[in-house]
C-alpha atoms as a PDB file:
ATOM      1  CA  MET A   1      -6.550 -15.790  -5.236  1.00  0.00           C
ATOM      2  CA  HIS A   2      -3.602 -14.752  -3.659  1.00  0.00           C
ATOM      3  CA  VAL A   3      -2.144 -11.489  -4.114  1.00  0.00           C
ATOM      4  CA  GLY A   4       1.293 -12.798  -5.650  1.00  0.00           C
ATOM      5  CA  ASN A   5      -0.766 -14.641  -8.191  1.00  0.00           C
ATOM      6  CA  LEU A   6      -2.881 -11.611  -9.056  1.00  0.00           C
ATOM      7  CA  ILE A   7       0.318  -9.562  -9.557  1.00  0.00           C
ATOM      8  CA  LYS A   8       1.851 -12.554 -11.683  1.00  0.00           C
ATOM      9  CA  GLU A   9      -1.249 -12.771 -14.012  1.00  0.00           C
ATOM     10  CA  ASN A  10      -2.225  -8.884 -14.344  1.00  0.00           C
ATOM     11  CA  TYR A  11       1.041  -7.248 -13.442  1.00  0.00           C
ATOM     12  CA  PRO A  12       3.901  -9.328 -14.707  1.00  0.00           C
ATOM     13  CA  GLN A  13       6.338  -6.564 -14.816  1.00  0.00           C
ATOM     14  CA  TYR A  14       6.126  -6.305 -10.894  1.00  0.00           C
ATOM     15  CA  TYR A  15       6.215  -9.852 -10.355  1.00  0.00           C
ATOM     16  CA  SER A  16       9.692 -10.880  -9.402  1.00  0.00           C
ATOM     17  CA  ILE A  17      12.201 -11.260  -6.328  1.00  0.00           C
ATOM     18  CA  GLU A  18      14.225  -8.025  -5.670  1.00  0.00           C
ATOM     19  CA  ARG A  19      17.496  -7.785  -3.695  1.00  0.00           C
ATOM     20  CA  TYR A  20      19.227  -4.704  -1.813  1.00  0.00           C
ATOM     21  CA  PRO A  21      22.236  -4.395   0.015  1.00  0.00           C
ATOM     22  CA  ALA A  22      21.080  -3.451   3.786  1.00  0.00           C
ATOM     23  CA  GLU A  23      23.455  -0.518   4.127  1.00  0.00           C
ATOM     24  CA  LYS A  24      21.640   1.276   1.131  1.00  0.00           C
ATOM     25  CA  VAL A  25      17.963   1.001   2.298  1.00  0.00           C
ATOM     26  CA  ALA A  26      15.500   2.929   3.912  1.00  0.00           C
ATOM     27  CA  PRO A  27      13.438   0.271   5.430  1.00  0.00           C
ATOM     28  CA  PHE A  28      10.060   1.028   7.104  1.00  0.00           C
ATOM     29  CA  CYS A  29       7.747  -1.350   9.341  1.00  0.00           C
ATOM     30  CA  LYS A  30       6.097   0.505  12.027  1.00  0.00           C
ATOM     31  CA  VAL A  31       4.496   3.764  11.930  1.00  0.00           C
ATOM     32  CA  ASP A  32       6.303   5.276  14.679  1.00  0.00           C
ATOM     33  CA  GLY A  33       9.707   3.693  13.333  1.00  0.00           C
ATOM     34  CA  PRO A  34      11.995   5.210  11.064  1.00  0.00           C
ATOM     35  CA  TRP A  35      10.385   5.980   7.802  1.00  0.00           C
ATOM     36  CA  GLY A  36       7.037   5.125   9.227  1.00  0.00           C
ATOM     37  CA  ILE A  37       5.478   7.641   7.248  1.00  0.00           C
ATOM     38  CA  LEU A  38       6.127   5.782   4.107  1.00  0.00           C
ATOM     39  CA  GLY A  39       3.813   2.796   5.077  1.00  0.00           C
ATOM     40  CA  ASN A  40       0.331   3.015   4.298  1.00  0.00           C
ATOM     41  CA  PHE A  41      -0.578   3.325   8.110  1.00  0.00           C
ATOM     42  CA  GLY A  42       1.556   6.360   8.201  1.00  0.00           C
ATOM     43  CA  ARG A  43      -0.341   9.251   9.904  1.00  0.00           C
ATOM     44  CA  THR A  44      -1.214  11.342   6.665  1.00  0.00           C
ATOM     45  CA  PRO A  45      -4.838  12.392   6.707  1.00  0.00           C
ATOM     46  CA  LEU A  46      -6.569  12.653   2.995  1.00  0.00           C
ATOM     47  CA  VAL A  47      -9.519  14.005   1.630  1.00  0.00           C
ATOM     48  CA  ILE A  48     -10.769  12.350  -1.495  1.00  0.00           C
ATOM     49  CA  GLY A  49     -14.052  13.632  -3.293  1.00  0.00           C
ATOM     50  CA  GLY A  50     -14.746  15.456   0.030  1.00  0.00           C
ATOM     51  CA  ILE A  51     -14.400  12.270   2.052  1.00  0.00           C
ATOM     52  CA  PRO A  52     -11.961  12.347   4.795  1.00  0.00           C
ATOM     53  CA  PHE A  53      -9.372   9.423   5.471  1.00  0.00           C
ATOM     54  CA  ASP A  54      -6.872   9.071   8.082  1.00  0.00           C
ATOM     55  CA  CYS A  55      -4.566   6.986   6.172  1.00  0.00           C
ATOM     56  CA  THR A  56      -4.021   5.417   2.659  1.00  0.00           C
ATOM     57  CA  GLU A  57      -4.316   1.684   4.016  1.00  0.00           C
ATOM     58  CA  LYS A  58      -8.180   2.719   4.806  1.00  0.00           C
ATOM     59  CA  VAL A  59      -8.598   4.203   1.145  1.00  0.00           C
ATOM     60  CA  PHE A  60      -6.756   1.308  -0.493  1.00  0.00           C
ATOM     61  CA  GLN A  61      -8.989  -1.459   1.517  1.00  0.00           C
ATOM     62  CA  VAL A  62     -12.297   0.450   0.809  1.00  0.00           C
ATOM     63  CA  MET A  63     -11.462   0.508  -2.945  1.00  0.00           C
ATOM     64  CA  LYS A  64     -11.257  -3.293  -2.916  1.00  0.00           C
ATOM     65  CA  PHE A  65     -14.962  -3.841  -1.898  1.00  0.00           C
ATOM     66  CA  THR A  66     -18.406  -3.032  -3.745  1.00  0.00           C
ATOM     67  CA  ASP A  67     -20.462  -4.195  -0.573  1.00  0.00           C
ATOM     68  CA  ALA A  68     -21.656  -1.230   1.367  1.00  0.00           C
ATOM     69  CA  ALA A  69     -21.384  -2.883   4.856  1.00  0.00           C
ATOM     70  CA  THR A  70     -17.872  -3.982   4.302  1.00  0.00           C
ATOM     71  CA  ARG A  71     -17.146  -0.583   2.946  1.00  0.00           C
ATOM     72  CA  GLN A  72     -18.581   1.300   6.101  1.00  0.00           C
ATOM     73  CA  ALA A  73     -17.077  -1.288   8.675  1.00  0.00           C
ATOM     74  CA  ILE A  74     -13.572  -0.641   6.930  1.00  0.00           C
ATOM     75  CA  TYR A  75     -14.005   3.183   7.025  1.00  0.00           C
ATOM     76  CA  ASN A  76     -15.050   3.267  10.661  1.00  0.00           C
ATOM     77  CA  ALA A  77     -12.080   1.039  11.883  1.00  0.00           C
ATOM     78  CA  LYS A  78      -9.078   2.384  13.076  1.00  0.00           C
ATOM     79  CA  GLY A  79      -5.346   0.833  12.809  1.00  0.00           C
ATOM     80  CA  GLN A  80      -4.777  -2.803  12.225  1.00  0.00           C
ATOM     81  CA  THR A  81      -8.589  -3.312  12.380  1.00  0.00           C
ATOM     82  CA  ILE A  82      -8.677  -1.994   9.012  1.00  0.00           C
ATOM     83  CA  LYS A  83      -7.090  -4.964   7.896  1.00  0.00           C
ATOM     84  CA  MET A  84      -9.316  -7.253   9.916  1.00  0.00           C
ATOM     85  CA  LYS A  85     -12.529  -5.868   8.452  1.00  0.00           C
ATOM     86  CA  ALA A  86     -10.967  -6.185   4.892  1.00  0.00           C
ATOM     87  CA  LYS A  87     -10.366 -10.211   5.839  1.00  0.00           C
ATOM     88  CA  HIS A  88     -14.077 -10.312   6.804  1.00  0.00           C
ATOM     89  CA  GLY A  89     -14.891  -8.902   3.472  1.00  0.00           C
ATOM     90  CA  HIS A  90     -12.717 -11.314   1.666  1.00  0.00           C
ATOM     91  CA  LYS A  91     -14.058 -14.317   3.346  1.00  0.00           C
ATOM     92  CA  ALA A  92     -17.571 -13.069   2.878  1.00  0.00           C
ATOM     93  CA  GLY A  93     -16.818 -13.159  -0.704  1.00  0.00           C
ATOM     94  CA  CYS A  94     -17.123  -9.118  -1.201  1.00  0.00           C
ATOM     95  CA  VAL A  95     -14.279  -8.255  -3.228  1.00  0.00           C
ATOM     96  CA  ARG A  96     -14.820  -6.499  -6.464  1.00  0.00           C
ATOM     97  CA  SER A  97     -14.699  -8.913  -9.514  1.00  0.00           C
ATOM     98  CA  ASP A  98     -12.084  -6.772 -11.196  1.00  0.00           C
ATOM     99  CA  TRP A  99      -9.642  -6.316  -8.136  1.00  0.00           C
ATOM    100  CA  GLY A 100      -7.145  -8.199  -9.520  1.00  0.00           C
ATOM    101  CA  HIS A 101      -6.791  -6.291 -12.536  1.00  0.00           C
ATOM    102  CA  ILE A 102      -6.760  -2.999 -10.928  1.00  0.00           C
ATOM    103  CA  ILE A 103      -4.889  -3.905  -7.482  1.00  0.00           C
ATOM    104  CA  VAL A 104      -1.554  -2.035  -8.336  1.00  0.00           C
ATOM    105  CA  ASP A 105      -3.240   0.516  -9.999  1.00  0.00           C
ATOM    106  CA  ALA A 106      -5.384   1.209  -6.858  1.00  0.00           C
ATOM    107  CA  MET A 107      -2.184   1.416  -5.009  1.00  0.00           C
ATOM    108  CA  LYS A 108      -0.696   3.968  -7.359  1.00  0.00           C
ATOM    109  CA  PHE A 109      -3.732   6.018  -6.758  1.00  0.00           C
ATOM    110  CA  CYS A 110      -3.430   6.129  -3.220  1.00  0.00           C
ATOM    111  CA  LEU A 111       0.185   6.868  -3.270  1.00  0.00           C
ATOM    112  CA  VAL A 112      -0.449   9.676  -5.421  1.00  0.00           C
ATOM    113  CA  GLN A 113      -3.030  11.387  -3.245  1.00  0.00           C
ATOM    114  CA  LYS A 114      -0.858  10.838  -0.347  1.00  0.00           C
ATOM    115  CA  TYR A 115       1.965  12.772  -2.133  1.00  0.00           C
ATOM    116  CA  ALA A 116      -0.322  15.559  -3.154  1.00  0.00           C
ATOM    117  CA  GLN A 117      -1.494  16.158   0.195  1.00  0.00           C
ATOM    118  CA  SER A 118       0.864  15.601   2.696  1.00  0.00           C
ATOM    119  CA  GLU A 119       3.992  17.927   2.959  1.00  0.00           C
ATOM    120  CA  GLU A 120       5.667  15.516   5.504  1.00  0.00           C
ATOM    121  CA  PHE A 121       5.071  12.421   3.311  1.00  0.00           C
ATOM    122  CA  ARG A 122       6.914  14.282   0.250  1.00  0.00           C
ATOM    123  CA  ARG A 123       9.952  15.477   2.546  1.00  0.00           C
ATOM    124  CA  GLU A 124      10.573  11.842   3.790  1.00  0.00           C
ATOM    125  CA  LEU A 125      10.271  10.413   0.324  1.00  0.00           C
ATOM    126  CA  GLU A 126      12.703  12.994  -0.953  1.00  0.00           C
ATOM    127  CA  ARG A 127      15.149  12.342   1.997  1.00  0.00           C
ATOM    128  CA  SER A 128      15.050   8.711   1.046  1.00  0.00           C
ATOM    129  CA  ARG A 129      16.711   9.612  -2.495  1.00  0.00           C
ATOM    130  CA  GLY A 130      19.487   7.522  -3.221  1.00  0.00           C
ATOM    131  CA  LEU A 131      18.366   4.615  -1.200  1.00  0.00           C
ATOM    132  CA  PHE A 132      16.249   1.772  -1.819  1.00  0.00           C
ATOM    133  CA  ILE A 133      12.883   1.818   0.049  1.00  0.00           C
ATOM    134  CA  VAL A 134      11.623  -1.534   1.366  1.00  0.00           C
ATOM    135  CA  GLU A 135       8.694  -2.400   3.402  1.00  0.00           C
ATOM    136  CA  ASP A 136      10.620  -4.410   6.085  1.00  0.00           C
ATOM    137  CA  GLN A 137       8.796  -7.594   7.048  1.00  0.00           C
ATOM    138  CA  SER A 138      11.756  -9.314   8.875  1.00  0.00           C
ATOM    139  CA  THR A 139       9.735  -9.780  12.171  1.00  0.00           C
ATOM    140  CA  PHE A 140       6.770 -11.022  10.383  1.00  0.00           C
ATOM    141  CA  PRO A 141       6.082 -14.817  11.543  1.00  0.00           C
ATOM    142  CA  LYS A 142       5.868 -16.125   8.009  1.00  0.00           C
ATOM    143  CA  LYS A 143       9.148 -17.619   6.540  1.00  0.00           C
ATOM    144  CA  ASN A 144       8.856 -15.310   3.328  1.00  0.00           C
ATOM    145  CA  PRO A 145       7.794 -11.935   2.975  1.00  0.00           C
ATOM    146  CA  ASP A 146       4.547 -11.321   1.179  1.00  0.00           C
ATOM    147  CA  THR A 147       4.086  -9.552  -1.964  1.00  0.00           C
ATOM    148  CA  TRP A 148       4.365  -6.112  -0.696  1.00  0.00           C
ATOM    149  CA  GLY A 149       7.510  -6.370   1.467  1.00  0.00           C
ATOM    150  CA  ALA A 150      11.185  -7.928   1.754  1.00  0.00           C
ATOM    151  CA  LYS A 151      12.947  -9.418   4.845  1.00  0.00           C
ATOM    152  CA  LEU A 152      16.645  -9.067   6.106  1.00  0.00           C
ATOM    153  CA  SER A 153      18.558 -12.132   4.927  1.00  0.00           C
ATOM    154  CA  GLY A 154      20.296 -14.287   7.688  1.00  0.00           C
ATOM    155  CA  ASP A 155      23.421 -12.571   7.629  1.00  0.00           C
ATOM    156  CA  GLY A 156      21.983  -9.340   7.676  1.00  0.00           C
ATOM    157  CA  THR A 157      23.648  -7.940   4.492  1.00  0.00           C
ATOM    158  CA  GLU A 158      20.668  -7.498   2.146  1.00  0.00           C
ATOM    159  CA  TYR A 159      16.837  -7.237   1.928  1.00  0.00           C
ATOM    160  CA  VAL A 160      15.402  -9.851  -0.181  1.00  0.00           C
ATOM    161  CA  GLY A 161      11.769 -10.290  -1.426  1.00  0.00           C
ATOM    162  CA  PRO A 162       8.960  -8.914  -3.831  1.00  0.00           C
ATOM    163  CA  ASN A 163       8.932  -5.283  -2.085  1.00  0.00           C
ATOM    164  CA  LEU A 164       6.047  -4.028  -4.469  1.00  0.00           C
ATOM    165  CA  MET A 165       5.320  -1.369  -1.892  1.00  0.00           C
ATOM    166  CA  GLY A 166       8.883  -0.197  -1.929  1.00  0.00           C
ATOM    167  CA  ARG A 167       9.320  -0.298  -5.511  1.00  0.00           C
ATOM    168  CA  LEU A 168       5.988   1.753  -6.118  1.00  0.00           C
ATOM    169  CA  LEU A 169       7.233   4.122  -3.601  1.00  0.00           C
ATOM    170  CA  MET A 170      10.648   4.623  -5.376  1.00  0.00           C
ATOM    171  CA  GLU A 171       8.883   5.109  -8.610  1.00  0.00           C
ATOM    172  CA  LEU A 172       6.648   7.902  -6.981  1.00  0.00           C
ATOM    173  CA  ARG A 173       9.781   9.492  -5.673  1.00  0.00           C
ATOM    174  CA  ASP A 174      11.687   9.141  -8.747  1.00  0.00           C
ATOM    175  CA  ALA A 175       8.685  10.528 -10.947  1.00  0.00           C
ATOM    176  CA  GLY A 176       8.299  13.552  -8.752  1.00  0.00           C
ATOM    177  CA  GLY A 177       4.977  12.575  -7.318  1.00  0.00           C
ATOM    178  CA  LYS A 178       3.381  11.121 -10.539  1.00  0.00           C
ATOM    179  CA  LEU A 179       2.481   7.392 -11.350  1.00  0.00           C
ATOM    180  CA  SER A 180       0.461   6.132 -14.247  1.00  0.00           C
ATOM    181  CA  TYR A 181      -2.950   4.232 -13.386  1.00  0.00           C
ATOM    182  CA  THR A 182      -6.228   3.314 -14.895  1.00  0.00           C
ATOM    183  CA  LEU A 183      -9.410   2.840 -12.751  1.00  0.00           C
ATOM    184  CA  PRO A 184     -12.905   2.594 -13.304  1.00  0.00           C
ATOM    185  CA  PRO A 185     -14.646   5.578 -11.830  1.00  0.00           C
ATOM    186  CA  THR A 186     -16.588   2.972  -9.222  1.00  0.00           C
ATOM    187  CA  ALA A 187     -13.235   2.380  -7.957  1.00  0.00           C
ATOM    188  CA  THR A 188     -12.658   6.108  -6.680  1.00  0.00           C
ATOM    189  CA  SER A 189     -15.883   6.945  -5.567  1.00  0.00           C
ATOM    190  CA  PHE A 190     -16.454   7.236  -1.858  1.00  0.00           C
ATOM    191  CA  GLN A 191     -19.681   9.139  -1.766  1.00  0.00           C
ATOM    192  CA  ASP A 192     -21.475   6.148  -0.216  1.00  0.00           C
ATOM    193  CA  LEU A 193     -19.216   7.065   3.073  1.00  0.00           C
ATOM    194  CA  ALA A 194     -20.340  10.588   3.203  1.00  0.00           C
ATOM    195  CA  SER A 195     -23.131  10.033   5.622  1.00  0.00           C
ATOM    196  CA  LEU A 196     -21.025   8.331   8.128  1.00  0.00           C
END
């Protein structure tokens, strides 16, 4: 099932199209670009349950699967290869059966961990205060942004899209690093990766 449909079904409060005036936005896209550390590929090493991760994207994608081989392949991957390995897991039907019910909570977990462990991330998040945070997907080939981001309008005056990632980051910022989430213990256990 498409992510947008999962959000609509399980997190209707996050299912909407948002609009933000471009001059009041902190947009992030590339890791090395402005505000890049706000993205899930931002270079913010984490340790969760004694297991080191090099970015929150890796944590999030590992959480999506119960299959050991898929989890290990994602854990060993670098950069955009992380998403490629996750796509293989999707095609193989290895996504955890409750993923649609926990997808946003899983992202909240990742962001709270990142906030707790990265001073640079906390600093940039605070620097964005007074601005709307947007995952900028303007250069993506698809006509419409996916669930996580927004695109700059044709006249360049506003960002339009679901912008779920930006919304969660703004919630995190405005709540001083706290987000409520509920996850089964199996979703936050990474001990199977300890021997890698």
